[in-house]
Amino acid sequence: MDKRILLLTDFSENAFNAVRYALKLYSDRKCNFDFLHAYQLEGYSMHNPPYNPEAFQESHEIEKRKSEKEFEKLMKMIRLHPDNPKTYL
């Protein structure tokens, strides 16, 4: 593997364009692209007592499912634009 590249995404059009740019930029090299998406649960803070992680479990599961669906859509869109045949996604 020549390169290992971390791509951040918020699933926006700008993030998708950045992904396509990176795929095109490294189209002549074998690359492994890793994606990172972070989200914050509304109302969650370790600094506001009382800290109760169980109270946010449902919110976490909802956000996690939304992120997984968005990631699946992103991967489908990337595969429609095969800029780099040597890419490992």
PDB file of N, CA and C in Angstrom:
ATOM      1  N   MET A   1       0.845  -1.171   0.000  1.00  0.00           N
ATOM      2  CA  MET A   1       0.000   0.000   0.000  1.00  0.00           C
ATOM      3  C   MET A   1       0.898   1.245   0.000  1.00  0.00           C
ATOM      4  N   ASP A   2       0.712   2.105  -0.960  1.00  0.00           N
ATOM      5  CA  ASP A   2       1.531   3.310  -1.052  1.00  0.00           C
ATOM      6  C   ASP A   2       1.113   4.374  -0.045  1.00  0.00           C
ATOM      7  N   LYS A   3      -0.171   4.648   0.045  1.00  0.00           N
ATOM      8  CA  LYS A   3      -0.669   5.727   0.888  1.00  0.00           C
ATOM      9  C   LYS A   3      -1.869   5.256   1.697  1.00  0.00           C
ATOM     10  N   ARG A   4      -1.998   5.855   2.867  1.00  0.00           N
ATOM     11  CA  ARG A   4      -3.180   5.656   3.700  1.00  0.00           C
ATOM     12  C   ARG A   4      -3.677   7.058   4.057  1.00  0.00           C
ATOM     13  N   ILE A   5      -4.897   7.392   3.658  1.00  0.00           N
ATOM     14  CA  ILE A   5      -5.395   8.760   3.760  1.00  0.00           C
ATOM     15  C   ILE A   5      -6.686   8.778   4.557  1.00  0.00           C
ATOM     16  N   LEU A   6      -6.758   9.704   5.501  1.00  0.00           N
ATOM     17  CA  LEU A   6      -7.948   9.890   6.321  1.00  0.00           C
ATOM     18  C   LEU A   6      -8.762  11.041   5.745  1.00  0.00           C
ATOM     19  N   LEU A   7     -10.028  10.769   5.436  1.00  0.00           N
ATOM     20  CA  LEU A   7     -10.929  11.785   4.913  1.00  0.00           C
ATOM     21  C   LEU A   7     -12.036  12.042   5.935  1.00  0.00           C
ATOM     22  N   LEU A   8     -12.180  13.298   6.296  1.00  0.00           N
ATOM     23  CA  LEU A   8     -13.236  13.682   7.224  1.00  0.00           C
ATOM     24  C   LEU A   8     -14.491  14.008   6.428  1.00  0.00           C
ATOM     25  N   THR A   9     -15.650  13.676   6.984  1.00  0.00           N
ATOM     26  CA  THR A   9     -16.887  13.970   6.271  1.00  0.00           C
ATOM     27  C   THR A   9     -18.004  14.348   7.230  1.00  0.00           C
ATOM     28  N   ASP A  10     -18.821  15.273   6.773  1.00  0.00           N
ATOM     29  CA  ASP A  10     -20.073  15.586   7.459  1.00  0.00           C
ATOM     30  C   ASP A  10     -21.244  15.270   6.530  1.00  0.00           C
ATOM     31  N   PHE A  11     -20.935  14.555   5.446  1.00  0.00           N
ATOM     32  CA  PHE A  11     -21.886  14.100   4.436  1.00  0.00           C
ATOM     33  C   PHE A  11     -22.474  15.251   3.626  1.00  0.00           C
ATOM     34  N   SER A  12     -21.800  16.383   3.603  1.00  0.00           N
ATOM     35  CA  SER A  12     -22.258  17.521   2.814  1.00  0.00           C
ATOM     36  C   SER A  12     -21.720  17.405   1.390  1.00  0.00           C
ATOM     37  N   GLU A  13     -22.210  18.277   0.522  1.00  0.00           N
ATOM     38  CA  GLU A  13     -21.727  18.303  -0.855  1.00  0.00           C
ATOM     39  C   GLU A  13     -20.247  18.701  -0.891  1.00  0.00           C
ATOM     40  N   ASN A  14     -19.854  19.637  -0.036  1.00  0.00           N
ATOM     41  CA  ASN A  14     -18.447  20.045   0.019  1.00  0.00           C
ATOM     42  C   ASN A  14     -17.551  18.883   0.432  1.00  0.00           C
ATOM     43  N   ALA A  15     -17.988  18.109   1.407  1.00  0.00           N
ATOM     44  CA  ALA A  15     -17.205  16.951   1.843  1.00  0.00           C
ATOM     45  C   ALA A  15     -17.095  15.922   0.717  1.00  0.00           C
ATOM     46  N   PHE A  16     -18.183  15.717  -0.006  1.00  0.00           N
ATOM     47  CA  PHE A  16     -18.163  14.782  -1.129  1.00  0.00           C
ATOM     48  C   PHE A  16     -17.189  15.264  -2.208  1.00  0.00           C
ATOM     49  N   ASN A  17     -17.197  16.566  -2.469  1.00  0.00           N
ATOM     50  CA  ASN A  17     -16.261  17.113  -3.456  1.00  0.00           C
ATOM     51  C   ASN A  17     -14.819  16.923  -3.009  1.00  0.00           C
ATOM     52  N   ALA A  18     -14.556  17.069  -1.722  1.00  0.00           N
ATOM     53  CA  ALA A  18     -13.207  16.843  -1.198  1.00  0.00           C
ATOM     54  C   ALA A  18     -12.790  15.386  -1.371  1.00  0.00           C
ATOM     55  N   VAL A  19     -13.722  14.469  -1.168  1.00  0.00           N
ATOM     56  CA  VAL A  19     -13.445  13.042  -1.363  1.00  0.00           C
ATOM     57  C   VAL A  19     -13.102  12.774  -2.824  1.00  0.00           C
ATOM     58  N   ARG A  20     -13.908  13.306  -3.722  1.00  0.00           N
ATOM     59  CA  ARG A  20     -13.643  13.108  -5.152  1.00  0.00           C
ATOM     60  C   ARG A  20     -12.304  13.711  -5.553  1.00  0.00           C
ATOM     61  N   TYR A  21     -11.984  14.863  -4.983  1.00  0.00           N
ATOM     62  CA  TYR A  21     -10.701  15.503  -5.269  1.00  0.00           C
ATOM     63  C   TYR A  21      -9.549  14.608  -4.814  1.00  0.00           C
ATOM     64  N   ALA A  22      -9.653  14.062  -3.621  1.00  0.00           N
ATOM     65  CA  ALA A  22      -8.598  13.180  -3.100  1.00  0.00           C
ATOM     66  C   ALA A  22      -8.468  11.928  -3.958  1.00  0.00           C
ATOM     67  N   LEU A  23      -9.578  11.357  -4.373  1.00  0.00           N
ATOM     68  CA  LEU A  23      -9.527  10.174  -5.232  1.00  0.00           C
ATOM     69  C   LEU A  23      -8.830  10.493  -6.552  1.00  0.00           C
ATOM     70  N   LYS A  24      -9.139  11.643  -7.103  1.00  0.00           N
ATOM     71  CA  LYS A  24      -8.523  12.038  -8.364  1.00  0.00           C
ATOM     72  C   LYS A  24      -7.039  12.377  -8.171  1.00  0.00           C
ATOM     73  N   LEU A  25      -6.730  13.065  -7.070  1.00  0.00           N
ATOM     74  CA  LEU A  25      -5.348  13.468  -6.797  1.00  0.00           C
ATOM     75  C   LEU A  25      -4.412  12.261  -6.694  1.00  0.00           C
ATOM     76  N   TYR A  26      -4.903  11.192  -6.110  1.00  0.00           N
ATOM     77  CA  TYR A  26      -4.088   9.984  -5.922  1.00  0.00           C
ATOM     78  C   TYR A  26      -4.484   8.867  -6.879  1.00  0.00           C
ATOM     79  N   SER A  27      -5.002   9.230  -8.033  1.00  0.00           N
ATOM     80  CA  SER A  27      -5.498   8.216  -8.971  1.00  0.00           C
ATOM     81  C   SER A  27      -4.401   7.328  -9.550  1.00  0.00           C
ATOM     82  N   ASP A  28      -3.160   7.761  -9.450  1.00  0.00           N
ATOM     83  CA  ASP A  28      -2.067   6.965 -10.009  1.00  0.00           C
ATOM     84  C   ASP A  28      -1.344   6.116  -8.963  1.00  0.00           C
ATOM     85  N   ARG A  29      -1.863   6.104  -7.724  1.00  0.00           N
ATOM     86  CA  ARG A  29      -1.213   5.353  -6.640  1.00  0.00           C
ATOM     87  C   ARG A  29      -2.218   4.443  -5.958  1.00  0.00           C
ATOM     88  N   LYS A  30      -1.691   3.360  -5.410  1.00  0.00           N
ATOM     89  CA  LYS A  30      -2.528   2.503  -4.585  1.00  0.00           C
ATOM     90  C   LYS A  30      -2.754   3.214  -3.258  1.00  0.00           C
ATOM     91  N   CYS A  31      -4.017   3.339  -2.888  1.00  0.00           N
ATOM     92  CA  CYS A  31      -4.350   4.078  -1.669  1.00  0.00           C
ATOM     93  C   CYS A  31      -5.413   3.341  -0.863  1.00  0.00           C
ATOM     94  N   ASN A  32      -5.336   3.549   0.421  1.00  0.00           N
ATOM     95  CA  ASN A  32      -6.377   3.088   1.330  1.00  0.00           C
ATOM     96  C   ASN A  32      -6.979   4.333   1.957  1.00  0.00           C
ATOM     97  N   PHE A  33      -8.237   4.621   1.638  1.00  0.00           N
ATOM     98  CA  PHE A  33      -8.923   5.785   2.172  1.00  0.00           C
ATOM     99  C   PHE A  33      -9.784   5.361   3.358  1.00  0.00           C
ATOM    100  N   ASP A  34      -9.560   6.025   4.483  1.00  0.00           N
ATOM    101  CA  ASP A  34     -10.381   5.813   5.675  1.00  0.00           C
ATOM    102  C   ASP A  34     -11.225   7.063   5.886  1.00  0.00           C
ATOM    103  N   PHE A  35     -12.449   6.863   6.341  1.00  0.00           N
ATOM    104  CA  PHE A  35     -13.370   7.969   6.554  1.00  0.00           C
ATOM    105  C   PHE A  35     -13.637   8.157   8.035  1.00  0.00           C
ATOM    106  N   LEU A  36     -13.808   9.420   8.424  1.00  0.00           N
ATOM    107  CA  LEU A  36     -14.125   9.747   9.805  1.00  0.00           C
ATOM    108  C   LEU A  36     -15.292  10.722   9.825  1.00  0.00           C
ATOM    109  N   HIS A  37     -16.312  10.365  10.580  1.00  0.00           N
ATOM    110  CA  HIS A  37     -17.451  11.249  10.814  1.00  0.00           C
ATOM    111  C   HIS A  37     -17.704  11.280  12.314  1.00  0.00           C
ATOM    112  N   ALA A  38     -17.748  12.471  12.875  1.00  0.00           N
ATOM    113  CA  ALA A  38     -18.006  12.618  14.307  1.00  0.00           C
ATOM    114  C   ALA A  38     -19.299  13.412  14.492  1.00  0.00           C
ATOM    115  N   TYR A  39     -20.015  13.096  15.536  1.00  0.00           N
ATOM    116  CA  TYR A  39     -21.236  13.830  15.844  1.00  0.00           C
ATOM    117  C   TYR A  39     -21.332  14.028  17.343  1.00  0.00           C
ATOM    118  N   GLN A  40     -22.083  15.048  17.712  1.00  0.00           N
ATOM    119  CA  GLN A  40     -22.280  15.351  19.126  1.00  0.00           C
ATOM    120  C   GLN A  40     -23.758  15.184  19.447  1.00  0.00           C
ATOM    121  N   LEU A  41     -24.027  14.483  20.526  1.00  0.00           N
ATOM    122  CA  LEU A  41     -25.403  14.301  20.962  1.00  0.00           C
ATOM    123  C   LEU A  41     -25.888  15.595  21.599  1.00  0.00           C
ATOM    124  N   GLU A  42     -27.079  15.985  21.219  1.00  0.00           N
ATOM    125  CA  GLU A  42     -27.637  17.220  21.754  1.00  0.00           C
ATOM    126  C   GLU A  42     -27.859  17.094  23.262  1.00  0.00           C
ATOM    127  N   GLY A  43     -27.401  18.081  24.003  1.00  0.00           N
ATOM    128  CA  GLY A  43     -27.564  18.089  25.444  1.00  0.00           C
ATOM    129  C   GLY A  43     -26.538  17.286  26.204  1.00  0.00           C
ATOM    130  N   TYR A  44     -25.655  16.601  25.490  1.00  0.00           N
ATOM    131  CA  TYR A  44     -24.651  15.750  26.141  1.00  0.00           C
ATOM    132  C   TYR A  44     -23.424  16.565  26.512  1.00  0.00           C
ATOM    133  N   SER A  45     -22.995  16.439  27.731  1.00  0.00           N
ATOM    134  CA  SER A  45     -21.760  17.076  28.174  1.00  0.00           C
ATOM    135  C   SER A  45     -21.259  16.369  29.422  1.00  0.00           C
ATOM    136  N   MET A  46     -19.983  16.065  29.440  1.00  0.00           N
ATOM    137  CA  MET A  46     -19.397  15.435  30.631  1.00  0.00           C
ATOM    138  C   MET A  46     -19.174  16.470  31.733  1.00  0.00           C
ATOM    139  N   HIS A  47     -19.293  17.739  31.383  1.00  0.00           N
ATOM    140  CA  HIS A  47     -18.997  18.798  32.343  1.00  0.00           C
ATOM    141  C   HIS A  47     -20.232  19.283  33.095  1.00  0.00           C
ATOM    142  N   ASN A  48     -21.401  18.863  32.666  1.00  0.00           N
ATOM    143  CA  ASN A  48     -22.636  19.259  33.345  1.00  0.00           C
ATOM    144  C   ASN A  48     -23.127  18.095  34.189  1.00  0.00           C
ATOM    145  N   PRO A  49     -22.929  18.155  35.494  1.00  0.00           N
ATOM    146  CA  PRO A  49     -23.399  17.057  36.352  1.00  0.00           C
ATOM    147  C   PRO A  49     -24.915  17.013  36.360  1.00  0.00           C
ATOM    148  N   PRO A  50     -25.540  15.921  36.606  1.00  0.00           N
ATOM    149  CA  PRO A  50     -24.909  14.615  36.792  1.00  0.00           C
ATOM    150  C   PRO A  50     -24.642  13.957  35.449  1.00  0.00           C
ATOM    151  N   TYR A  51     -23.495  13.348  35.321  1.00  0.00           N
ATOM    152  CA  TYR A  51     -23.107  12.622  34.111  1.00  0.00           C
ATOM    153  C   TYR A  51     -23.770  11.254  34.151  1.00  0.00           C
ATOM    154  N   ASN A  52     -24.660  11.012  33.203  1.00  0.00           N
ATOM    155  CA  ASN A  52     -25.400   9.760  33.161  1.00  0.00           C
ATOM    156  C   ASN A  52     -25.400   9.248  31.718  1.00  0.00           C
ATOM    157  N   PRO A  53     -24.453   8.390  31.341  1.00  0.00           N
ATOM    158  CA  PRO A  53     -24.370   7.930  29.951  1.00  0.00           C
ATOM    159  C   PRO A  53     -25.599   7.143  29.493  1.00  0.00           C
ATOM    160  N   GLU A  54     -26.276   6.478  30.401  1.00  0.00           N
ATOM    161  CA  GLU A  54     -27.458   5.701  30.011  1.00  0.00           C
ATOM    162  C   GLU A  54     -28.567   6.600  29.474  1.00  0.00           C
ATOM    163  N   ALA A  55     -28.628   7.825  29.954  1.00  0.00           N
ATOM    164  CA  ALA A  55     -29.674   8.745  29.515  1.00  0.00           C
ATOM    165  C   ALA A  55     -29.526   9.103  28.044  1.00  0.00           C
ATOM    166  N   PHE A  56     -28.333   8.965  27.497  1.00  0.00           N
ATOM    167  CA  PHE A  56     -28.092   9.345  26.108  1.00  0.00           C
ATOM    168  C   PHE A  56     -27.956   8.137  25.182  1.00  0.00           C
ATOM    169  N   GLN A  57     -28.215   6.958  25.685  1.00  0.00           N
ATOM    170  CA  GLN A  57     -28.060   5.748  24.874  1.00  0.00           C
ATOM    171  C   GLN A  57     -28.983   5.761  23.660  1.00  0.00           C
ATOM    172  N   GLU A  58     -30.235   6.138  23.848  1.00  0.00           N
ATOM    173  CA  GLU A  58     -31.190   6.168  22.732  1.00  0.00           C
ATOM    174  C   GLU A  58     -30.775   7.211  21.698  1.00  0.00           C
ATOM    175  N   SER A  59     -30.373   8.394  22.159  1.00  0.00           N
ATOM    176  CA  SER A  59     -29.919   9.442  21.235  1.00  0.00           C
ATOM    177  C   SER A  59     -28.699   8.972  20.455  1.00  0.00           C
ATOM    178  N   HIS A  60     -27.804   8.288  21.141  1.00  0.00           N
ATOM    179  CA  HIS A  60     -26.601   7.769  20.483  1.00  0.00           C
ATOM    180  C   HIS A  60     -26.979   6.774  19.390  1.00  0.00           C
ATOM    181  N   GLU A  61     -27.887   5.870  19.680  1.00  0.00           N
ATOM    182  CA  GLU A  61     -28.299   4.870  18.685  1.00  0.00           C
ATOM    183  C   GLU A  61     -28.946   5.528  17.470  1.00  0.00           C
ATOM    184  N   ILE A  62     -29.754   6.549  17.696  1.00  0.00           N
ATOM    185  CA  ILE A  62     -30.406   7.260  16.588  1.00  0.00           C
ATOM    186  C   ILE A  62     -29.362   7.929  15.704  1.00  0.00           C
ATOM    187  N   GLU A  63     -28.435   8.649  16.319  1.00  0.00           N
ATOM    188  CA  GLU A  63     -27.382   9.326  15.554  1.00  0.00           C
ATOM    189  C   GLU A  63     -26.477   8.332  14.841  1.00  0.00           C
ATOM    190  N   LYS A  64     -26.203   7.232  15.478  1.00  0.00           N
ATOM    191  CA  LYS A  64     -25.363   6.196  14.874  1.00  0.00           C
ATOM    192  C   LYS A  64     -26.039   5.630  13.624  1.00  0.00           C
ATOM    193  N   ARG A  65     -27.327   5.332  13.719  1.00  0.00           N
ATOM    194  CA  ARG A  65     -28.061   4.802  12.550  1.00  0.00           C
ATOM    195  C   ARG A  65     -28.098   5.818  11.413  1.00  0.00           C
ATOM    196  N   LYS A  66     -28.313   7.104  11.744  1.00  0.00           N
ATOM    197  CA  LYS A  66     -28.329   8.138  10.713  1.00  0.00           C
ATOM    198  C   LYS A  66     -26.971   8.215  10.019  1.00  0.00           C
ATOM    199  N   SER A  67     -25.905   8.163  10.788  1.00  0.00           N
ATOM    200  CA  SER A  67     -24.561   8.224  10.217  1.00  0.00           C
ATOM    201  C   SER A  67     -24.281   7.018   9.326  1.00  0.00           C
ATOM    202  N   GLU A  68     -24.700   5.844   9.756  1.00  0.00           N
ATOM    203  CA  GLU A  68     -24.490   4.638   8.943  1.00  0.00           C
ATOM    204  C   GLU A  68     -25.232   4.730   7.622  1.00  0.00           C
ATOM    205  N   LYS A  69     -26.462   5.243   7.632  1.00  0.00           N
ATOM    206  CA  LYS A  69     -27.224   5.399   6.384  1.00  0.00           C
ATOM    207  C   LYS A  69     -26.554   6.409   5.460  1.00  0.00           C
ATOM    208  N   GLU A  70     -26.098   7.515   6.029  1.00  0.00           N
ATOM    209  CA  GLU A  70     -25.413   8.528   5.228  1.00  0.00           C
ATOM    210  C   GLU A  70     -24.110   7.980   4.656  1.00  0.00           C
ATOM    211  N   PHE A  71     -23.409   7.175   5.421  1.00  0.00           N
ATOM    212  CA  PHE A  71     -22.164   6.584   4.945  1.00  0.00           C
ATOM    213  C   PHE A  71     -22.436   5.629   3.782  1.00  0.00           C
ATOM    214  N   GLU A  72     -23.492   4.842   3.884  1.00  0.00           N
ATOM    215  CA  GLU A  72     -23.854   3.941   2.786  1.00  0.00           C
ATOM    216  C   GLU A  72     -24.149   4.733   1.519  1.00  0.00           C
ATOM    217  N   LYS A  73     -24.875   5.851   1.643  1.00  0.00           N
ATOM    218  CA  LYS A  73     -25.162   6.702   0.487  1.00  0.00           C
ATOM    219  C   LYS A  73     -23.869   7.280  -0.089  1.00  0.00           C
ATOM    220  N   LEU A  74     -22.965   7.706   0.784  1.00  0.00           N
ATOM    221  CA  LEU A  74     -21.689   8.251   0.333  1.00  0.00           C
ATOM    222  C   LEU A  74     -20.911   7.211  -0.466  1.00  0.00           C
ATOM    223  N   MET A  75     -20.854   5.990   0.029  1.00  0.00           N
ATOM    224  CA  MET A  75     -20.114   4.942  -0.664  1.00  0.00           C
ATOM    225  C   MET A  75     -20.735   4.643  -2.032  1.00  0.00           C
ATOM    226  N   LYS A  76     -22.051   4.650  -2.132  1.00  0.00           N
ATOM    227  CA  LYS A  76     -22.708   4.438  -3.430  1.00  0.00           C
ATOM    228  C   LYS A  76     -22.347   5.552  -4.405  1.00  0.00           C
ATOM    229  N   MET A  77     -22.341   6.794  -3.910  1.00  0.00           N
ATOM    230  CA  MET A  77     -22.000   7.927  -4.775  1.00  0.00           C
ATOM    231  C   MET A  77     -20.549   7.846  -5.234  1.00  0.00           C
ATOM    232  N   ILE A  78     -19.656   7.439  -4.350  1.00  0.00           N
ATOM    233  CA  ILE A  78     -18.241   7.315  -4.713  1.00  0.00           C
ATOM    234  C   ILE A  78     -18.065   6.241  -5.780  1.00  0.00           C
ATOM    235  N   ARG A  79     -18.765   5.157  -5.642  1.00  0.00           N
ATOM    236  CA  ARG A  79     -18.624   4.057  -6.616  1.00  0.00           C
ATOM    237  C   ARG A  79     -19.189   4.435  -7.986  1.00  0.00           C
ATOM    238  N   LEU A  80     -20.065   5.433  -8.035  1.00  0.00           N
ATOM    239  CA  LEU A  80     -20.566   5.921  -9.321  1.00  0.00           C
ATOM    240  C   LEU A  80     -19.513   6.748 -10.052  1.00  0.00           C
ATOM    241  N   HIS A  81     -18.512   7.228  -9.325  1.00  0.00           N
ATOM    242  CA  HIS A  81     -17.442   8.050  -9.887  1.00  0.00           C
ATOM    243  C   HIS A  81     -16.100   7.385  -9.615  1.00  0.00           C
ATOM    244  N   PRO A  82     -15.783   6.319 -10.328  1.00  0.00           N
ATOM    245  CA  PRO A  82     -14.542   5.581 -10.038  1.00  0.00           C
ATOM    246  C   PRO A  82     -13.304   6.323 -10.545  1.00  0.00           C
ATOM    247  N   ASP A  83     -12.871   7.337  -9.801  1.00  0.00           N
ATOM    248  CA  ASP A  83     -11.713   8.140 -10.202  1.00  0.00           C
ATOM    249  C   ASP A  83     -10.400   7.397 -10.022  1.00  0.00           C
ATOM    250  N   ASN A  84     -10.378   6.425  -9.132  1.00  0.00           N
ATOM    251  CA  ASN A  84      -9.136   5.735  -8.839  1.00  0.00           C
ATOM    252  C   ASN A  84      -9.390   4.231  -8.781  1.00  0.00           C
ATOM    253  N   PRO A  85      -9.045   3.500  -9.813  1.00  0.00           N
ATOM    254  CA  PRO A  85      -9.270   2.055  -9.817  1.00  0.00           C
ATOM    255  C   PRO A  85      -8.392   1.301  -8.812  1.00  0.00           C
ATOM    256  N   LYS A  86      -7.373   1.955  -8.275  1.00  0.00           N
ATOM    257  CA  LYS A  86      -6.460   1.310  -7.334  1.00  0.00           C
ATOM    258  C   LYS A  86      -6.846   1.582  -5.882  1.00  0.00           C
ATOM    259  N   THR A  87      -7.988   2.179  -5.678  1.00  0.00           N
ATOM    260  CA  THR A  87      -8.414   2.595  -4.343  1.00  0.00           C
ATOM    261  C   THR A  87      -9.012   1.467  -3.542  1.00  0.00           C
ATOM    262  N   TYR A  88      -8.709   1.466  -2.264  1.00  0.00           N
ATOM    263  CA  TYR A  88      -9.347   0.573  -1.301  1.00  0.00           C
ATOM    264  C   TYR A  88     -10.162   1.430  -0.362  1.00  0.00           C
ATOM    265  N   LEU A  89     -11.482   1.275  -0.412  1.00  0.00           N
ATOM    266  CA  LEU A  89     -12.372   2.068   0.437  1.00  0.00           C
ATOM    267  C   LEU A  89     -12.877   1.236   1.573  1.00  0.00           C
TER     268      LEU A  89
END
